[in-house]
Protein backbone atom coordinates (compact mmCIF):
# COMPACT_ATOMS: atom_id res chain seq x y z
CA UNK A 1 178.05 216.68 118.26
CA UNK A 2 175.22 217.73 115.96
CA UNK A 3 176.10 216.83 112.34
CA UNK A 4 174.23 218.51 109.72
CA UNK A 5 174.59 216.99 106.23
CA UNK A 6 173.21 217.72 102.88
CA UNK A 7 173.02 213.97 102.01
CA UNK A 8 172.54 211.92 104.96
CA UNK A 9 170.66 214.17 106.97
CA UNK A 10 171.01 215.21 110.81
CA UNK A 11 172.79 212.82 113.33
CA UNK A 12 173.81 213.12 117.14
CA UNK A 13 177.05 212.01 118.10
CA UNK A 14 177.62 211.66 122.00
CA UNK A 15 181.58 211.94 122.97
CA UNK A 16 183.42 211.37 125.90
CA UNK A 17 186.78 213.24 125.20
CA UNK A 18 187.39 211.84 121.68
CA UNK A 19 185.52 208.63 122.25
CA UNK A 20 182.16 208.06 120.81
CA UNK A 21 179.61 206.63 122.99
CA UNK A 22 176.24 206.77 120.91
CA UNK A 23 175.04 207.87 117.47
CA UNK A 24 171.53 208.75 116.82
CA UNK A 25 169.62 210.31 113.96
CA UNK A 26 167.45 213.33 114.22
CA UNK A 27 165.09 215.60 112.60
CA UNK A 28 165.41 219.13 113.83
CA UNK A 29 162.44 220.08 111.80
CA UNK A 30 159.91 218.23 113.71
CA UNK A 31 159.15 219.87 117.19
CA UNK A 32 158.53 216.21 118.78
CA UNK A 33 161.95 215.22 117.96
CA UNK A 34 163.40 218.34 119.03
CA UNK A 35 161.80 218.01 122.50
CA UNK A 36 162.83 214.32 122.92
CA UNK A 37 166.29 215.57 121.92
CA UNK A 38 166.24 218.14 124.53
CA UNK A 39 165.10 215.95 127.29
CA UNK A 40 167.99 213.65 126.34
CA UNK A 41 170.45 216.64 126.44
CA UNK A 42 169.39 217.63 129.95
CA UNK A 43 170.62 214.18 131.25
CA UNK A 44 174.18 215.42 130.40
CA UNK A 45 174.09 218.98 132.29
CA UNK A 46 177.77 219.46 131.90
CA UNK A 47 177.68 218.55 127.87
CA UNK A 48 179.12 221.41 125.39
CA UNK A 49 177.02 221.11 122.28
CA UNK A 50 179.01 221.33 118.90
CA UNK A 51 177.42 221.97 115.53
CA UNK A 52 179.11 220.72 112.22
CA UNK A 53 177.63 221.82 109.05
CA UNK A 54 177.91 220.81 105.45
CA UNK A 55 175.25 222.14 103.48
CA UNK A 56 174.72 223.59 100.13
CA UNK A 57 173.96 226.92 101.51
CA UNK A 58 177.34 227.57 102.91
CA UNK A 59 178.85 230.73 101.99
CA UNK A 60 182.52 231.97 101.67
CA UNK A 61 183.63 235.18 100.27
CA UNK A 62 187.53 236.95 100.43
CA UNK A 63 187.64 240.51 100.61
CA UNK A 64 190.77 242.62 100.91
CA UNK A 65 190.19 245.65 103.21
CA UNK A 66 192.59 248.44 104.67
CA UNK A 67 194.44 247.44 107.71
CA UNK A 68 192.92 248.82 110.84
CA UNK A 69 193.98 247.98 114.40
CA UNK A 70 192.12 247.58 117.69
CA UNK A 71 188.56 247.95 118.63
CA UNK A 72 188.11 250.10 115.35
CA UNK A 73 189.10 247.53 113.28
CA UNK A 74 186.68 245.14 115.00
CA UNK A 75 183.97 247.43 114.58
CA UNK A 76 184.99 247.64 110.95
CA UNK A 77 184.61 244.01 110.58
CA UNK A 78 181.35 244.04 112.28
CA UNK A 79 179.94 246.67 109.73
CA UNK A 80 180.97 244.97 107.04
CA UNK A 81 180.02 241.75 108.15
CA UNK A 82 176.45 243.00 108.92
CA UNK A 83 176.42 244.58 105.40
CA UNK A 84 177.25 241.03 103.91
CA UNK A 85 173.74 239.54 101.93
CA UNK A 86 174.68 236.35 103.67
CA UNK A 87 174.48 237.19 107.22
CA UNK A 88 171.56 235.21 108.74
CA UNK A 89 172.62 234.76 112.11
CA UNK A 90 175.32 232.23 111.89
CA UNK A 91 178.51 233.75 110.16
CA UNK A 92 182.08 234.73 111.07
CA UNK A 93 184.79 236.80 109.62
CA UNK A 94 188.56 235.71 110.16
CA UNK A 95 191.72 237.38 108.76
CA UNK A 96 193.48 235.13 105.99
CA UNK A 97 196.89 236.93 105.27
CA UNK A 98 198.23 240.52 104.51
CA UNK A 99 198.40 241.69 101.09
CA UNK A 100 201.39 243.91 99.49
CA UNK A 101 199.88 246.90 98.03
CA UNK A 102 200.62 250.33 98.17
CA UNK A 103 199.33 250.57 101.45
CA UNK A 104 199.02 247.76 104.04
CA UNK A 105 195.72 245.84 103.53
CA UNK A 106 194.41 242.57 105.15
CA UNK A 107 192.53 239.68 103.32
CA UNK A 108 189.62 238.39 104.91
CA UNK A 109 187.19 235.23 104.54
CA UNK A 110 183.26 236.01 105.24
CA UNK A 111 181.93 232.87 106.18
CA UNK A 112 178.23 231.77 106.61
CA UNK A 113 175.49 228.88 106.74
CA UNK A 114 171.81 229.48 105.74
CA UNK A 115 169.91 226.70 108.10
CA UNK A 116 166.89 228.59 109.76
CA UNK A 117 165.99 225.49 111.75
CA UNK A 118 169.35 225.49 113.53
CA UNK A 119 169.34 229.31 114.08
CA UNK A 120 165.81 229.48 115.53
CA UNK A 121 166.73 225.90 117.90
CA UNK A 122 170.12 227.66 119.46
CA UNK A 123 168.47 230.60 121.33
CA UNK A 124 166.18 227.38 122.73
CA UNK A 125 169.01 225.43 124.08
CA UNK A 126 170.64 228.59 125.65
CA UNK A 127 167.29 229.13 127.56
CA UNK A 128 167.67 225.39 128.70
CA UNK A 129 171.46 226.52 130.11
CA UNK A 130 172.77 224.00 127.74
CA UNK A 131 176.21 225.34 126.52
CA UNK A 132 176.89 226.23 122.97
CA UNK A 133 180.56 225.45 122.33
CA UNK A 134 180.34 226.68 118.54
CA UNK A 135 178.85 225.82 115.01
CA UNK A 136 181.67 224.79 112.32
CA UNK A 137 181.64 224.00 108.54
CA UNK A 138 183.48 220.88 107.16
CA UNK A 139 185.17 223.03 104.64
CA UNK A 140 186.84 225.05 107.48
CA UNK A 141 188.34 221.75 108.89
CA UNK A 142 190.37 220.60 105.76
CA UNK A 143 193.41 222.64 106.97
CA UNK A 144 193.13 220.52 110.06
CA UNK A 145 193.35 216.99 108.75
CA UNK A 146 194.74 217.40 105.06
CA UNK A 147 198.41 216.28 104.58
CA UNK A 148 201.27 218.99 104.53
CA UNK A 149 201.68 220.76 101.18
CA UNK A 150 204.96 220.05 99.26
CA UNK A 151 207.93 222.31 99.56
CA UNK A 152 207.28 225.09 97.02
CA UNK A 153 203.54 224.64 96.37
CA UNK A 154 201.14 226.96 97.95
CA UNK A 155 197.94 226.07 95.93
CA UNK A 156 195.84 223.12 96.77
CA UNK A 157 192.35 222.29 95.15
CA UNK A 158 190.44 219.68 97.47
CA UNK A 159 187.70 217.36 95.62
CA UNK A 160 185.61 215.59 98.12
CA UNK A 161 183.61 213.20 96.21
CA UNK A 162 180.31 211.49 97.23
CA UNK A 163 177.73 209.34 95.17
CA UNK A 164 175.40 212.22 94.79
CA UNK A 165 177.62 215.34 95.56
CA UNK A 166 180.94 216.93 95.20
CA UNK A 167 182.54 219.62 97.21
CA UNK A 168 185.45 221.67 95.67
CA UNK A 169 187.55 223.77 98.00
CA UNK A 170 190.40 225.87 97.09
CA UNK A 171 193.11 226.49 100.07
CA UNK A 172 196.22 228.68 99.98
CA UNK A 173 198.75 227.97 102.42
CA UNK A 174 196.62 225.88 104.50
CA UNK A 175 193.87 228.49 104.31
CA UNK A 176 190.25 228.17 102.99
CA UNK A 177 189.65 230.81 100.24
CA UNK A 178 186.52 229.27 98.30
CA UNK A 179 184.24 226.31 98.43
CA UNK A 180 180.90 225.24 96.92
CA UNK A 181 178.86 222.09 97.00
CA UNK A 182 177.70 220.49 93.38
CA UNK A 183 174.87 218.04 93.31
CA UNK A 184 175.03 215.27 90.89
CA UNK A 185 171.60 214.10 89.61
CA UNK A 186 170.32 210.90 90.91
CA UNK A 187 169.16 209.68 87.79
CA UNK A 188 170.65 209.09 84.05
CA UNK A 189 174.01 209.95 85.65
CA UNK A 190 175.27 206.29 86.72
CA UNK A 191 177.84 206.35 83.69
CA UNK A 192 181.33 207.04 85.44
CA UNK A 193 182.92 208.59 82.22
CA UNK A 194 179.73 211.08 82.57
CA UNK A 195 180.59 211.70 86.42
CA UNK A 196 184.24 212.33 85.64
CA UNK A 197 183.91 214.63 82.72
CA UNK A 198 181.37 216.69 85.20
CA UNK A 199 183.70 216.57 87.64
CA UNK A 200 186.65 218.12 85.34
CA UNK A 201 184.42 220.64 83.93
CA UNK A 202 183.63 221.93 87.34
CA UNK A 203 187.35 221.64 88.39
CA UNK A 204 188.39 223.46 85.25
CA UNK A 205 185.68 226.10 85.99
CA UNK A 206 187.15 226.57 89.53
CA UNK A 207 190.33 227.07 88.32
CA UNK A 208 189.33 229.68 85.76
CA UNK A 209 187.81 231.46 88.17
CA UNK A 210 190.69 231.40 90.32
CA UNK A 211 192.70 232.69 87.75
CA UNK A 212 190.78 235.33 86.56
CA UNK A 213 190.66 236.67 90.30
CA UNK A 214 194.47 236.43 89.95
CA UNK A 215 194.59 233.83 92.85
CA UNK A 216 196.44 231.62 90.63
CA UNK A 217 198.98 232.27 87.70
CA UNK A 218 199.03 230.22 84.22
CA UNK A 219 202.29 228.69 85.40
CA UNK A 220 201.63 227.64 88.98
CA UNK A 221 201.47 224.15 90.47
CA UNK A 222 198.15 223.23 91.98
CA UNK A 223 197.97 220.09 94.04
CA UNK A 224 194.89 218.42 93.47
CA UNK A 225 193.59 216.27 96.35
CA UNK A 226 190.87 213.47 95.94
CA UNK A 227 189.23 212.58 98.96
CA UNK A 228 186.51 209.90 99.35
CA UNK A 229 185.48 207.16 97.24
CA UNK A 230 188.53 206.51 94.55
CA UNK A 231 187.31 204.39 91.69
CA UNK A 232 189.84 202.38 89.97
CA UNK A 233 189.75 204.53 86.72
CA UNK A 234 189.97 207.87 88.35
CA UNK A 235 192.71 208.68 85.86
CA UNK A 236 190.29 209.70 83.30
CA UNK A 237 189.68 212.89 85.25
CA UNK A 238 193.25 213.79 85.10
CA UNK A 239 193.31 213.88 81.04
CA UNK A 240 190.56 216.95 81.57
CA UNK A 241 193.07 218.89 83.52
CA UNK A 242 196.49 220.39 83.12
CA UNK A 243 199.11 218.09 83.10
CA UNK A 244 201.62 219.77 85.48
CA UNK A 245 199.35 219.63 88.34
CA UNK A 246 199.95 217.37 91.57
CA UNK A 247 197.64 214.73 92.02
CA UNK A 248 196.92 213.21 95.50
CA UNK A 249 194.44 210.43 96.21
CA UNK A 250 193.14 209.82 100.00
CA UNK A 251 190.84 206.93 100.25
CA UNK A 252 188.18 206.76 103.13
CA UNK A 253 190.23 204.07 104.89
CA UNK A 254 193.42 205.67 104.81
CA UNK A 255 191.41 209.17 106.11
CA UNK A 256 189.93 207.25 108.82
CA UNK A 257 193.49 205.90 109.82
CA UNK A 258 194.67 209.77 109.85
CA UNK A 259 191.69 210.50 112.10
CA UNK A 260 193.02 208.99 115.32
CA UNK A 261 193.12 205.23 114.39
CA UNK A 262 189.61 204.47 114.85
CA UNK A 263 187.65 203.78 111.81
CA UNK A 264 184.37 205.98 111.10
CA UNK A 265 180.83 204.74 112.24
CA UNK A 266 178.88 203.06 109.32
CA UNK A 267 176.49 205.61 109.39
CA UNK A 268 179.05 208.52 109.13
CA UNK A 269 181.11 209.39 106.19
CA UNK A 270 184.95 209.24 106.57
CA UNK A 271 185.48 213.33 105.94
CA UNK A 272 182.54 213.96 108.64
CA UNK A 273 184.60 211.67 111.01
CA UNK A 274 187.86 213.30 110.23
CA UNK A 275 186.06 216.82 110.68
CA UNK A 276 184.60 215.87 114.06
CA UNK A 277 188.32 214.54 115.19
CA UNK A 278 189.94 218.06 114.17
CA UNK A 279 187.29 220.00 116.19
CA UNK A 280 187.61 217.46 119.25
CA UNK A 281 191.15 217.88 119.40
CA UNK A 282 191.07 221.66 120.16
CA UNK A 283 194.50 222.18 118.89
CA UNK A 284 193.85 224.07 115.87
CA UNK A 285 192.19 227.32 115.57
CA UNK A 286 188.54 227.04 114.02
CA UNK A 287 186.24 230.15 112.88
CA UNK A 288 183.03 229.80 114.76
CA UNK A 289 179.79 230.66 113.39
CA UNK A 290 177.63 230.76 116.29
CA UNK A 291 176.37 233.96 117.57
CA UNK A 292 178.25 235.97 120.31
CA UNK A 293 175.04 235.56 122.59
CA UNK A 294 175.36 231.83 122.59
CA UNK A 295 179.14 231.90 123.11
CA UNK A 296 178.96 234.60 125.84
CA UNK A 297 178.57 232.23 128.67
CA UNK A 298 181.49 230.16 127.68
CA UNK A 299 183.60 233.36 127.35
CA UNK A 300 182.82 234.34 130.97
CA UNK A 301 183.76 230.84 132.54
CA UNK A 302 186.98 230.81 130.59
CA UNK A 303 187.69 234.45 131.75
CA UNK A 304 186.76 233.41 135.28
CA UNK A 305 189.03 230.47 134.99
CA UNK A 306 191.99 232.82 133.54
CA UNK A 307 191.32 235.17 136.56
CA UNK A 308 191.46 232.26 139.35
CA UNK A 309 194.60 230.92 137.80
CA UNK A 310 196.33 234.48 137.63
CA UNK A 311 195.24 235.26 141.30
CA UNK A 312 197.04 231.80 142.20
CA UNK A 313 200.01 232.68 140.33
CA UNK A 314 199.98 235.95 141.75
CA UNK A 315 199.50 234.76 145.39
CA UNK A 316 202.29 232.32 144.71
CA UNK A 317 204.72 235.12 143.59
CA UNK A 318 203.82 237.33 146.69
CA UNK A 319 204.52 234.45 149.03
CA UNK A 320 207.97 233.74 147.13
CA UNK A 321 208.97 237.39 147.44
CA UNK A 322 207.96 237.39 151.18
CA UNK A 323 209.89 234.33 151.98
CA UNK A 324 212.90 236.02 149.79
CA UNK A 325 212.62 239.02 152.05
CA UNK A 326 212.34 237.16 155.20
CA UNK A 327 215.55 235.15 154.22
CA UNK A 328 217.38 238.30 153.17
CA UNK A 329 216.61 239.92 156.64
CA UNK A 330 217.88 236.94 158.50
CA UNK A 331 221.10 236.76 156.71
CA UNK A 332 221.61 240.60 157.13
CA UNK A 333 220.54 240.44 160.89
CA UNK A 334 223.11 237.27 161.26
CA UNK A 335 225.96 239.64 159.66
CA UNK A 336 225.31 242.40 161.70
CA UNK A 337 225.67 240.14 165.09
CA UNK A 338 228.73 238.76 163.65
CA UNK A 339 230.36 242.16 163.17
CA UNK A 340 229.01 243.49 166.54
CA UNK A 341 230.84 239.96 168.15
CA UNK A 342 234.04 241.00 166.17
CA UNK A 343 233.85 244.80 167.57
CA UNK A 344 233.44 243.70 170.98
CA UNK A 345 236.26 241.32 170.72
CA UNK A 346 238.46 244.00 169.28
CA UNK A 347 237.48 246.61 172.29
CA UNK A 348 238.22 243.81 174.76
CA UNK A 349 241.63 242.98 173.30
CA UNK A 350 242.94 246.61 172.57
CA UNK A 351 243.33 249.00 175.54
CA UNK A 352 242.15 252.67 175.39
CA UNK A 353 244.85 255.09 175.06
CA UNK A 354 244.71 258.50 176.43
CA UNK A 355 246.50 261.66 174.52
CA UNK A 356 249.74 263.12 176.20
CA UNK A 357 250.14 266.69 176.26
CA UNK A 358 253.42 266.36 174.13
CA UNK A 359 251.38 265.30 170.96
CA UNK A 360 249.02 268.51 171.34
CA UNK A 361 251.52 270.84 169.15
CA UNK A 362 251.66 267.98 166.63
CA UNK A 363 247.73 267.90 166.33
CA UNK A 364 247.69 271.58 166.28
CA UNK A 365 249.80 271.88 163.09
CA UNK A 366 247.59 269.06 161.31
CA UNK A 367 244.50 270.75 162.12
CA UNK A 368 246.24 274.19 161.02
CA UNK A 369 247.41 272.27 157.70
CA UNK A 370 243.80 271.02 156.99
CA UNK A 371 242.66 274.80 157.73
CA UNK A 372 245.20 276.08 155.15
CA UNK A 373 244.09 273.33 152.55
CA UNK A 374 240.43 274.25 152.92
CA UNK A 375 241.39 278.13 152.70
CA UNK A 376 243.53 277.56 149.69
CA UNK A 377 240.27 275.63 148.03
CA UNK A 378 237.89 278.50 149.02
CA UNK A 379 240.28 281.28 148.04
CA UNK A 380 239.41 281.76 144.10
CA UNK A 381 235.71 282.12 144.91
CA UNK A 382 235.95 284.52 147.83
CA UNK A 383 238.98 286.64 146.64
CA UNK A 384 236.86 286.97 143.00
CA UNK A 385 233.66 288.04 145.32
CA UNK A 386 235.79 290.43 147.59
CA UNK A 387 237.36 292.16 144.62
CA UNK A 388 234.80 292.37 142.06
CA UNK A 389 233.01 295.54 143.05
CA UNK A 390 236.30 297.26 143.62
CA UNK A 391 237.88 296.14 139.99
CA UNK A 392 234.69 297.01 137.93
CA UNK A 393 235.08 300.64 137.53
CA UNK A 394 239.14 300.58 137.14
CA UNK A 395 240.71 300.47 133.21
CA UNK A 396 243.86 301.62 133.47
CA UNK A 397 245.19 298.89 136.11
CA UNK A 398 244.91 295.36 135.65
CA UNK A 399 244.95 292.40 138.29
CA UNK A 400 247.64 289.89 137.30
CA UNK A 401 248.04 287.72 140.13
CA UNK A 402 246.58 286.51 143.31
CA UNK A 403 248.59 284.68 146.33
CA UNK A 404 247.39 283.81 149.53
CA UNK A 405 249.41 283.58 152.40
CA UNK A 406 248.45 282.64 156.06
CA UNK A 407 250.76 282.67 159.24
CA UNK A 408 249.66 280.31 162.30
CA UNK A 409 251.14 281.10 165.74
CA UNK A 410 252.40 278.15 167.55
CA UNK A 411 253.40 280.09 170.50
CA UNK A 412 250.27 281.13 171.84
CA UNK A 413 247.61 278.57 170.11
CA UNK A 414 244.60 279.69 172.46
CA UNK A 415 244.14 283.08 171.69
CA UNK A 416 245.14 283.07 168.36
CA UNK A 417 246.26 286.94 168.11
CA UNK A 418 249.17 286.51 165.84
CA UNK A 419 247.37 284.41 163.22
CA UNK A 420 246.57 286.09 160.45
CA UNK A 421 245.62 285.61 156.55
CA UNK A 422 246.28 287.98 153.73
CA UNK A 423 246.14 288.36 150.03
CA UNK A 424 248.80 289.24 147.90
CA UNK A 425 247.56 291.06 144.64
CA UNK A 426 249.66 292.43 141.94
CA UNK A 427 248.41 295.01 139.92
CA UNK A 428 249.89 296.55 136.53
CA UNK A 429 249.54 299.30 134.15
CA UNK A 430 250.29 299.86 130.79
CA UNK A 431 250.67 303.65 130.84
CA UNK A 432 251.51 305.47 133.66
CA UNK A 433 249.89 308.89 133.80
CA UNK A 434 247.27 311.30 135.57
CA UNK A 435 244.27 309.23 135.07
CA UNK A 436 246.17 306.08 136.21
CA UNK A 437 247.47 307.84 139.44
CA UNK A 438 244.12 309.13 139.96
CA UNK A 439 242.40 305.80 139.56
CA UNK A 440 245.31 304.13 141.84
CA UNK A 441 244.07 306.40 144.49
CA UNK A 442 240.55 305.18 144.17
CA UNK A 443 241.62 301.69 144.21
CA UNK A 444 243.34 302.06 147.24
CA UNK A 445 240.62 303.74 149.16
CA UNK A 446 238.10 301.00 148.02
CA UNK A 447 240.27 298.63 149.17
CA UNK A 448 240.66 300.08 152.50
CA UNK A 449 236.64 300.40 153.03
CA UNK A 450 235.87 296.67 152.09
CA UNK A 451 234.68 295.16 155.25
CA UNK A 452 236.58 291.82 154.79
CA UNK A 453 239.87 293.80 154.74
CA UNK A 454 241.74 294.57 158.02
CA UNK A 455 244.36 296.88 156.25
CA UNK A 456 246.00 297.63 152.95
CA UNK A 457 249.84 297.48 153.04
CA UNK A 458 251.98 298.57 149.58
CA UNK A 459 254.84 295.76 149.17
CA UNK A 460 257.94 296.73 147.21
CA UNK A 461 258.23 294.20 144.39
CA UNK A 462 261.94 293.45 145.85
CA UNK A 463 260.70 292.70 149.21
CA UNK A 464 257.44 290.42 147.83
CA UNK A 465 259.88 288.65 145.98
CA UNK A 466 262.98 288.42 148.20
CA UNK A 467 263.45 284.76 148.59
CA UNK A 468 263.81 282.87 145.26
CA UNK A 469 261.99 279.80 144.61
CA UNK A 470 263.21 276.57 143.11
CA UNK A 471 262.04 276.40 139.80
CA UNK A 472 260.34 279.52 139.69
CA UNK A 473 260.67 281.15 135.88
CA UNK A 474 258.68 284.27 136.35
CA UNK A 475 259.97 287.31 134.97
CA UNK A 476 261.36 290.09 137.68
CA UNK A 477 258.34 292.93 138.47
CA UNK A 478 258.93 296.15 136.38
CA UNK A 479 258.51 299.50 137.95
CA UNK A 480 254.95 299.65 136.55
CA UNK A 481 254.10 296.75 138.46
CA UNK A 482 252.63 297.13 142.22
CA UNK A 483 251.80 294.74 144.95
CA UNK A 484 249.11 295.04 147.64
CA UNK A 485 248.75 293.18 150.85
CA UNK A 486 245.37 292.98 151.75
CA UNK A 487 244.88 291.52 155.50
CA UNK A 488 241.79 289.95 155.72
CA UNK A 489 239.89 290.15 159.40
CA UNK A 490 239.46 287.18 161.58
CA UNK A 491 236.03 285.28 160.98
CA UNK A 492 234.95 286.10 164.59
CA UNK A 493 235.78 289.78 164.11
CA UNK A 494 233.51 289.73 160.91
CA UNK A 495 230.88 288.26 162.61
CA UNK A 496 230.57 290.71 165.53
CA UNK A 497 230.92 293.50 163.08
């Protein structure tokens, strides 16, 4: 890991997992030092290089943009990022939250660092096939190692105090919105009261800026976190700030204990050590300022691993599905064999009985009953189709009833000559005159000419209803009611004609 600090310079920390193995100072501006560092890197071909920056030229800008989804949203952000004045090759943008306005909008944080030496050295590392894990800033790691906010508090101002510099960062709900580094003069500024007054002025100026931008309301409670060196009279700073603000002091020793339990090395600051540990844990998502060209090999390697594991999972699912199919097939075959064995046993135990001639009349009666039921079921459609063309031009006569009649002969079952089917049609007229009589003659001839009718017979009403039926409540037919009996041709005769 390469630590680039405004105050301590450049340090190279060699980690194995989360355990630091070596620490060395380096000057990236010197070409000889860079070559020596490159030769040292080549001893570890599987190493991943991570850069951590704490510079004064770190830029952070919050902007509210319309909500755009998918690839169009990515292109929109890239165009906005390219138009940002601080986009110098080491920059990124990520979404903070959504804003409730008249339309759906998102709030984004633009982050960038200006360090030309590192920007020029990253392509050289890539040409030497050394993997670049990413470029991060210490301010963006604050949300990973700061303690959780109290209930009901969403605003936090973090003051990182060092002997010659102070960094102030504003976080809202564990998200960084604002950060700037303030350098303190080296001479003539040894009085603690002057330092505290200067820090309080900068804190008040930062809070006024946030209030003016309407990120903080005057009545909101802000938690102020003092990190680093905590003098005994740090309370002097509180008298310059609003009294209803919450104060939390995190000394360097406590911060080192929170960062995995191992104390920070003497050459590193406790805040740098906490930022390193938060990056190495890989559990928290951190914005990466490295260019996409440097991160592409890592993306390809991760994609290959994902495809590899997806292929293994798919193969396992296919094998499992095949095994389940084989088991189901074997179970079905076993059931079929058991059923076949039972059927063979039933055939062997039950003798085959032949039908006697005395049972044939009963079987024929059963068959004729089934045929009668089938004909009764088909009668409405067949009768309506048969009489449709005949009744279309009749206006004085109305068809009021249809009854089906069947007579199956039991004496000569082979030839079937005495079998017949007939339709009993009941016609009624409201006014019997010459026109009705003429239409009746026309109707009688039309029915006789139908292809499915064998003959037409006029039945008197008294003959048709001579046998009274139990439960029949119909009225007796009047003189204006005429019944025609239509004898239907047999199916074989209609097929031959």
